[in-house]
Amino acid sequence: MVAQKGKDLLLKVDIEGSFVTVAGLRSRRIAFNSQTVDITDADSAGRWRELLAGSGVQRAAVSGSGIFKDAQSDAAMRARFFAGEIGDWQLAVPDFGVVEGAFQITALEYTGSHDGEVTFEVALESAGPVSFTVSA
């Protein structure tokens, strides 16, 4: 994969069956994590730790920050956050693929200074299986 423009990494929210790009984002991040299950015991070879394959909890975390635009996507995020809803989201990684799944907004912050623009930060946590589709 060759170098990509960060602005092409898109976070999208499902609004009535259509994915809409979250407006105003300046930065986005996705992290995948998997817990391990330690099965080491007194008989483990050389006292090396042993892990149980295919076990543990997997999760994906998405975050982003940008300028507040009061767009359709902003309204959808606010509504989902205050309702505590879990909804479908996509993160499109250019020339790599699309990550899609159910996520819940765990943090939504707005910031502004007297001599600057209003900005926001959003954090999402996966709430079920996450799929990955390779770009064609």
N, C-alpha and C. Protein backbone atom coordinates (compact mmCIF):
# COMPACT_ATOMS: atom_id res chain seq x y z
N MET A 1 0.85 -1.18 0.00
CA MET A 1 0.00 0.00 0.00
C MET A 1 0.89 1.23 0.00
N VAL A 2 0.60 2.17 -0.87
CA VAL A 2 1.36 3.41 -0.95
C VAL A 2 0.79 4.42 0.04
N ALA A 3 1.52 5.51 0.24
CA ALA A 3 1.08 6.56 1.17
C ALA A 3 -0.29 7.10 0.76
N GLN A 4 -1.09 7.42 1.76
CA GLN A 4 -2.45 7.90 1.53
C GLN A 4 -2.65 9.25 2.22
N LYS A 5 -3.58 10.02 1.73
CA LYS A 5 -3.95 11.29 2.36
C LYS A 5 -4.84 11.00 3.55
N GLY A 6 -4.52 11.58 4.71
CA GLY A 6 -5.32 11.38 5.91
C GLY A 6 -6.76 11.83 5.74
N LYS A 7 -6.98 12.84 4.91
CA LYS A 7 -8.35 13.35 4.71
C LYS A 7 -9.25 12.34 4.02
N ASP A 8 -8.63 11.31 3.39
CA ASP A 8 -9.42 10.29 2.70
C ASP A 8 -9.89 9.17 3.62
N LEU A 9 -9.44 9.18 4.87
CA LEU A 9 -9.91 8.23 5.87
C LEU A 9 -11.23 8.79 6.39
N LEU A 10 -12.34 8.12 6.07
CA LEU A 10 -13.67 8.68 6.32
C LEU A 10 -14.43 7.90 7.38
N LEU A 11 -15.06 8.63 8.30
CA LEU A 11 -15.96 8.04 9.28
C LEU A 11 -17.38 8.34 8.81
N LYS A 12 -18.20 7.28 8.73
CA LYS A 12 -19.56 7.45 8.22
C LYS A 12 -20.57 6.87 9.20
N VAL A 13 -21.68 7.55 9.35
CA VAL A 13 -22.77 7.12 10.22
C VAL A 13 -23.97 6.73 9.36
N ASP A 14 -24.66 5.68 9.78
CA ASP A 14 -25.86 5.24 9.05
C ASP A 14 -27.04 6.12 9.46
N ILE A 15 -27.58 6.82 8.48
CA ILE A 15 -28.77 7.65 8.70
C ILE A 15 -29.85 7.13 7.77
N GLU A 16 -30.83 6.48 8.36
CA GLU A 16 -31.97 5.94 7.62
C GLU A 16 -31.55 5.06 6.45
N GLY A 17 -30.57 4.17 6.69
CA GLY A 17 -30.17 3.21 5.67
C GLY A 17 -29.10 3.66 4.71
N SER A 18 -28.62 4.89 4.85
CA SER A 18 -27.55 5.41 3.99
C SER A 18 -26.40 5.89 4.86
N PHE A 19 -25.17 5.56 4.47
CA PHE A 19 -24.01 6.01 5.23
C PHE A 19 -23.63 7.42 4.79
N VAL A 20 -23.55 8.32 5.79
CA VAL A 20 -23.24 9.73 5.56
C VAL A 20 -21.92 10.04 6.25
N THR A 21 -21.01 10.70 5.54
CA THR A 21 -19.72 11.06 6.11
C THR A 21 -19.91 12.08 7.23
N VAL A 22 -19.23 11.83 8.36
CA VAL A 22 -19.29 12.76 9.49
C VAL A 22 -18.60 14.05 9.06
N ALA A 23 -19.33 15.15 9.12
CA ALA A 23 -18.84 16.44 8.63
C ALA A 23 -17.80 17.04 9.57
N GLY A 24 -16.81 17.72 8.99
CA GLY A 24 -15.88 18.54 9.74
C GLY A 24 -14.71 17.83 10.39
N LEU A 25 -14.60 16.52 10.23
CA LEU A 25 -13.51 15.81 10.89
C LEU A 25 -12.15 16.23 10.33
N ARG A 26 -11.22 16.46 11.24
CA ARG A 26 -9.86 16.78 10.84
C ARG A 26 -8.92 15.61 11.12
N SER A 27 -9.28 14.78 12.10
CA SER A 27 -8.48 13.59 12.39
C SER A 27 -9.39 12.44 12.76
N ARG A 28 -8.94 11.24 12.44
CA ARG A 28 -9.71 10.03 12.73
C ARG A 28 -8.72 8.95 13.13
N ARG A 29 -9.20 7.99 13.96
CA ARG A 29 -8.33 6.91 14.43
C ARG A 29 -9.18 5.67 14.65
N ILE A 30 -8.63 4.51 14.29
CA ILE A 30 -9.29 3.24 14.62
C ILE A 30 -8.23 2.34 15.24
N ALA A 31 -8.63 1.65 16.29
CA ALA A 31 -7.72 0.73 16.98
C ALA A 31 -8.46 -0.59 17.21
N PHE A 32 -7.78 -1.68 16.92
CA PHE A 32 -8.32 -3.01 17.16
C PHE A 32 -7.56 -3.62 18.33
N ASN A 33 -8.28 -4.24 19.24
CA ASN A 33 -7.66 -4.85 20.41
C ASN A 33 -8.24 -6.24 20.63
N SER A 34 -7.41 -7.11 21.18
CA SER A 34 -7.84 -8.46 21.50
C SER A 34 -7.21 -8.86 22.82
N GLN A 35 -8.03 -9.22 23.79
CA GLN A 35 -7.52 -9.68 25.07
C GLN A 35 -6.96 -11.09 24.91
N THR A 36 -6.00 -11.39 25.72
CA THR A 36 -5.43 -12.73 25.70
C THR A 36 -5.97 -13.53 26.88
N VAL A 37 -5.94 -14.86 26.73
CA VAL A 37 -6.31 -15.77 27.81
C VAL A 37 -5.07 -16.61 28.12
N ASP A 38 -4.52 -16.38 29.29
CA ASP A 38 -3.29 -17.04 29.71
C ASP A 38 -3.61 -18.43 30.26
N ILE A 39 -3.03 -19.47 29.65
CA ILE A 39 -3.26 -20.84 30.11
C ILE A 39 -1.96 -21.47 30.60
N THR A 40 -1.00 -20.65 31.01
CA THR A 40 0.28 -21.14 31.51
C THR A 40 0.07 -21.91 32.81
N ASP A 41 0.78 -23.02 32.94
CA ASP A 41 0.73 -23.77 34.20
C ASP A 41 2.12 -24.32 34.53
N ALA A 42 2.23 -25.09 35.57
CA ALA A 42 3.52 -25.61 36.02
C ALA A 42 4.19 -26.48 34.97
N ASP A 43 3.44 -27.07 34.06
CA ASP A 43 4.01 -27.93 33.03
C ASP A 43 4.33 -27.20 31.72
N SER A 44 4.17 -25.89 31.68
CA SER A 44 4.45 -25.12 30.46
C SER A 44 5.94 -25.21 30.14
N ALA A 45 6.25 -25.46 28.87
CA ALA A 45 7.63 -25.66 28.44
C ALA A 45 8.51 -24.45 28.78
N GLY A 46 9.55 -24.71 29.56
CA GLY A 46 10.51 -23.66 29.89
C GLY A 46 9.92 -22.51 30.67
N ARG A 47 8.76 -22.71 31.28
CA ARG A 47 8.05 -21.67 32.04
C ARG A 47 7.65 -20.48 31.16
N TRP A 48 7.55 -20.73 29.86
CA TRP A 48 7.08 -19.69 28.95
C TRP A 48 5.56 -19.59 29.01
N ARG A 49 5.10 -18.39 28.88
CA ARG A 49 3.65 -18.17 28.89
C ARG A 49 3.01 -18.85 27.70
N GLU A 50 1.82 -19.41 27.91
CA GLU A 50 1.03 -20.02 26.85
C GLU A 50 -0.30 -19.29 26.77
N LEU A 51 -0.75 -19.05 25.53
CA LEU A 51 -2.02 -18.37 25.31
C LEU A 51 -2.99 -19.32 24.62
N LEU A 52 -4.25 -19.14 24.91
CA LEU A 52 -5.30 -19.93 24.28
C LEU A 52 -5.75 -19.23 23.01
N ALA A 53 -5.52 -19.87 21.87
CA ALA A 53 -5.87 -19.26 20.58
C ALA A 53 -7.38 -19.16 20.42
N GLY A 54 -7.82 -18.12 19.75
CA GLY A 54 -9.23 -17.97 19.42
C GLY A 54 -10.12 -17.62 20.60
N SER A 55 -9.55 -17.14 21.68
CA SER A 55 -10.36 -16.79 22.84
C SER A 55 -10.13 -15.33 23.20
N GLY A 56 -10.74 -14.87 24.25
CA GLY A 56 -10.61 -13.48 24.65
C GLY A 56 -11.60 -12.59 23.92
N VAL A 57 -11.69 -11.37 24.37
CA VAL A 57 -12.64 -10.42 23.82
C VAL A 57 -11.93 -9.52 22.81
N GLN A 58 -12.53 -9.38 21.63
CA GLN A 58 -12.00 -8.46 20.62
C GLN A 58 -12.87 -7.22 20.60
N ARG A 59 -12.24 -6.08 20.30
CA ARG A 59 -12.99 -4.83 20.22
C ARG A 59 -12.32 -3.88 19.25
N ALA A 60 -13.10 -2.94 18.79
CA ALA A 60 -12.59 -1.87 17.94
C ALA A 60 -13.00 -0.54 18.56
N ALA A 61 -12.09 0.40 18.55
CA ALA A 61 -12.36 1.74 19.07
C ALA A 61 -12.08 2.74 17.96
N VAL A 62 -12.99 3.68 17.78
CA VAL A 62 -12.87 4.71 16.75
C VAL A 62 -12.96 6.06 17.43
N SER A 63 -12.13 6.99 17.00
CA SER A 63 -12.23 8.35 17.53
C SER A 63 -11.95 9.34 16.42
N GLY A 64 -12.40 10.54 16.63
CA GLY A 64 -12.18 11.59 15.66
C GLY A 64 -12.37 12.95 16.28
N SER A 65 -11.81 13.95 15.65
CA SER A 65 -12.01 15.33 16.11
C SER A 65 -12.05 16.24 14.90
N GLY A 66 -12.73 17.35 15.07
CA GLY A 66 -12.84 18.28 13.95
C GLY A 66 -13.61 19.53 14.32
N ILE A 67 -14.04 20.24 13.31
CA ILE A 67 -14.78 21.48 13.53
C ILE A 67 -16.28 21.21 13.45
N PHE A 68 -17.00 21.86 14.32
CA PHE A 68 -18.45 21.71 14.39
C PHE A 68 -19.08 22.41 13.20
N LYS A 69 -19.90 21.66 12.44
CA LYS A 69 -20.54 22.22 11.26
C LYS A 69 -22.06 22.24 11.35
N ASP A 70 -22.63 21.61 12.39
CA ASP A 70 -24.08 21.51 12.57
C ASP A 70 -24.74 20.93 11.32
N ALA A 71 -24.16 19.85 10.84
CA ALA A 71 -24.66 19.16 9.65
C ALA A 71 -25.57 18.01 10.07
N GLN A 72 -26.12 17.31 9.08
CA GLN A 72 -26.99 16.16 9.32
C GLN A 72 -26.27 15.11 10.18
N SER A 73 -24.98 14.90 9.91
CA SER A 73 -24.23 13.89 10.68
C SER A 73 -24.05 14.33 12.13
N ASP A 74 -23.88 15.64 12.39
CA ASP A 74 -23.77 16.14 13.76
C ASP A 74 -25.05 15.86 14.54
N ALA A 75 -26.17 16.12 13.92
CA ALA A 75 -27.47 15.89 14.57
C ALA A 75 -27.66 14.40 14.86
N ALA A 76 -27.24 13.54 13.93
CA ALA A 76 -27.37 12.10 14.14
C ALA A 76 -26.49 11.64 15.30
N MET A 77 -25.28 12.18 15.40
CA MET A 77 -24.39 11.81 16.50
C MET A 77 -24.97 12.26 17.84
N ARG A 78 -25.43 13.49 17.90
CA ARG A 78 -26.02 13.99 19.16
C ARG A 78 -27.21 13.14 19.57
N ALA A 79 -28.09 12.85 18.64
CA ALA A 79 -29.29 12.06 18.95
C ALA A 79 -28.91 10.67 19.45
N ARG A 80 -27.96 10.03 18.79
CA ARG A 80 -27.54 8.69 19.22
C ARG A 80 -26.87 8.72 20.58
N PHE A 81 -26.06 9.74 20.82
CA PHE A 81 -25.38 9.81 22.12
C PHE A 81 -26.39 9.97 23.25
N PHE A 82 -27.29 10.93 23.13
CA PHE A 82 -28.24 11.19 24.21
C PHE A 82 -29.26 10.08 24.39
N ALA A 83 -29.52 9.32 23.33
CA ALA A 83 -30.44 8.18 23.44
C ALA A 83 -29.71 6.91 23.88
N GLY A 84 -28.37 6.95 23.89
CA GLY A 84 -27.60 5.77 24.24
C GLY A 84 -27.72 4.66 23.21
N GLU A 85 -28.01 5.04 21.97
CA GLU A 85 -28.24 4.07 20.90
C GLU A 85 -26.95 3.44 20.38
N ILE A 86 -27.10 2.24 19.91
CA ILE A 86 -26.04 1.56 19.18
C ILE A 86 -26.48 1.56 17.72
N GLY A 87 -25.60 2.01 16.84
CA GLY A 87 -25.97 2.09 15.43
C GLY A 87 -24.84 1.63 14.54
N ASP A 88 -25.11 1.55 13.26
CA ASP A 88 -24.12 1.12 12.27
C ASP A 88 -23.23 2.28 11.86
N TRP A 89 -21.95 1.99 11.77
CA TRP A 89 -20.93 2.97 11.38
C TRP A 89 -19.97 2.31 10.40
N GLN A 90 -19.31 3.14 9.60
CA GLN A 90 -18.27 2.67 8.68
C GLN A 90 -17.04 3.55 8.85
N LEU A 91 -15.88 2.93 8.67
CA LEU A 91 -14.64 3.68 8.57
C LEU A 91 -13.97 3.22 7.27
N ALA A 92 -13.90 4.12 6.30
CA ALA A 92 -13.33 3.80 4.99
C ALA A 92 -11.86 4.19 4.98
N VAL A 93 -11.00 3.19 4.77
CA VAL A 93 -9.56 3.40 4.70
C VAL A 93 -9.17 3.33 3.23
N PRO A 94 -8.66 4.42 2.66
CA PRO A 94 -8.39 4.46 1.22
C PRO A 94 -7.43 3.35 0.77
N ASP A 95 -7.75 2.73 -0.36
CA ASP A 95 -6.94 1.66 -0.96
C ASP A 95 -6.66 0.50 0.00
N PHE A 96 -7.48 0.34 1.03
CA PHE A 96 -7.29 -0.72 2.00
C PHE A 96 -8.60 -1.48 2.19
N GLY A 97 -9.64 -0.75 2.60
CA GLY A 97 -10.93 -1.40 2.78
C GLY A 97 -11.86 -0.60 3.66
N VAL A 98 -12.97 -1.24 4.02
CA VAL A 98 -14.00 -0.61 4.84
C VAL A 98 -14.26 -1.47 6.07
N VAL A 99 -14.20 -0.84 7.22
CA VAL A 99 -14.53 -1.48 8.49
C VAL A 99 -15.96 -1.06 8.80
N GLU A 100 -16.83 -2.02 9.11
CA GLU A 100 -18.23 -1.70 9.37
C GLU A 100 -18.74 -2.53 10.53
N GLY A 101 -19.59 -1.90 11.34
CA GLY A 101 -20.20 -2.64 12.44
C GLY A 101 -21.03 -1.74 13.32
N ALA A 102 -21.57 -2.35 14.38
CA ALA A 102 -22.36 -1.63 15.37
C ALA A 102 -21.43 -0.99 16.39
N PHE A 103 -21.63 0.30 16.62
CA PHE A 103 -20.82 1.04 17.58
C PHE A 103 -21.72 1.89 18.46
N GLN A 104 -21.24 2.18 19.66
CA GLN A 104 -21.93 3.11 20.55
C GLN A 104 -21.00 4.29 20.79
N ILE A 105 -21.55 5.49 20.78
CA ILE A 105 -20.76 6.68 21.09
C ILE A 105 -20.54 6.70 22.60
N THR A 106 -19.26 6.68 23.00
CA THR A 106 -18.93 6.67 24.42
C THR A 106 -18.50 8.04 24.92
N ALA A 107 -18.17 8.94 24.01
CA ALA A 107 -17.82 10.31 24.40
C ALA A 107 -18.12 11.25 23.25
N LEU A 108 -18.69 12.40 23.58
CA LEU A 108 -18.96 13.44 22.61
C LEU A 108 -18.68 14.76 23.30
N GLU A 109 -17.65 15.46 22.84
CA GLU A 109 -17.19 16.69 23.50
C GLU A 109 -17.17 17.84 22.51
N TYR A 110 -17.57 19.00 22.99
CA TYR A 110 -17.52 20.23 22.20
C TYR A 110 -16.62 21.22 22.94
N THR A 111 -15.78 21.92 22.19
CA THR A 111 -14.85 22.87 22.76
C THR A 111 -14.83 24.13 21.90
N GLY A 112 -14.66 25.26 22.54
CA GLY A 112 -14.53 26.51 21.79
C GLY A 112 -13.86 27.57 22.64
N SER A 113 -13.06 28.38 22.01
CA SER A 113 -12.45 29.52 22.71
C SER A 113 -13.00 30.80 22.11
N HIS A 114 -12.85 31.88 22.83
CA HIS A 114 -13.45 33.14 22.40
C HIS A 114 -12.91 33.64 21.06
N ASP A 115 -11.71 33.18 20.68
CA ASP A 115 -11.12 33.66 19.43
C ASP A 115 -10.92 32.53 18.41
N GLY A 116 -11.72 31.49 18.53
CA GLY A 116 -11.56 30.37 17.60
C GLY A 116 -12.88 29.70 17.28
N GLU A 117 -12.78 28.64 16.53
CA GLU A 117 -13.95 27.89 16.08
C GLU A 117 -14.37 26.89 17.15
N VAL A 118 -15.61 26.41 17.05
CA VAL A 118 -16.10 25.34 17.91
C VAL A 118 -15.60 24.03 17.31
N THR A 119 -15.02 23.21 18.15
CA THR A 119 -14.54 21.90 17.71
C THR A 119 -15.26 20.81 18.50
N PHE A 120 -15.17 19.58 17.99
CA PHE A 120 -15.76 18.46 18.71
C PHE A 120 -14.84 17.26 18.65
N GLU A 121 -15.04 16.36 19.60
CA GLU A 121 -14.36 15.08 19.62
C GLU A 121 -15.40 14.01 19.87
N VAL A 122 -15.25 12.88 19.19
CA VAL A 122 -16.18 11.76 19.34
C VAL A 122 -15.38 10.49 19.52
N ALA A 123 -15.86 9.61 20.40
CA ALA A 123 -15.25 8.30 20.60
C ALA A 123 -16.34 7.25 20.52
N LEU A 124 -16.04 6.16 19.83
CA LEU A 124 -17.00 5.06 19.65
C LEU A 124 -16.33 3.75 20.05
N GLU A 125 -17.14 2.83 20.58
CA GLU A 125 -16.67 1.49 20.92
C GLU A 125 -17.56 0.48 20.20
N SER A 126 -16.95 -0.57 19.69
CA SER A 126 -17.71 -1.61 18.99
C SER A 126 -18.68 -2.27 19.96
N ALA A 127 -19.85 -2.64 19.42
CA ALA A 127 -20.91 -3.23 20.23
C ALA A 127 -21.40 -4.53 19.59
N GLY A 128 -20.51 -5.22 18.92
CA GLY A 128 -20.84 -6.45 18.23
C GLY A 128 -19.75 -6.76 17.23
N PRO A 129 -19.99 -7.73 16.37
CA PRO A 129 -18.99 -8.08 15.36
C PRO A 129 -18.70 -6.92 14.41
N VAL A 130 -17.43 -6.82 14.02
CA VAL A 130 -16.99 -5.80 13.08
C VAL A 130 -16.49 -6.52 11.84
N SER A 131 -16.94 -6.06 10.67
CA SER A 131 -16.50 -6.70 9.42
C SER A 131 -15.49 -5.82 8.71
N PHE A 132 -14.70 -6.45 7.86
CA PHE A 132 -13.73 -5.74 7.05
C PHE A 132 -13.88 -6.21 5.62
N THR A 133 -14.09 -5.25 4.72
CA THR A 133 -14.20 -5.55 3.29
C THR A 133 -13.04 -4.92 2.58
N VAL A 134 -12.28 -5.71 1.85
CA VAL A 134 -11.11 -5.22 1.13
C VAL A 134 -11.55 -4.37 -0.04
N SER A 135 -10.84 -3.26 -0.27
CA SER A 135 -11.11 -2.40 -1.44
C SER A 135 -10.79 -3.17 -2.71
N ALA A 136 -11.62 -2.93 -3.71
CA ALA A 136 -11.41 -3.61 -5.01
C ALA A 136 -10.37 -2.89 -5.83
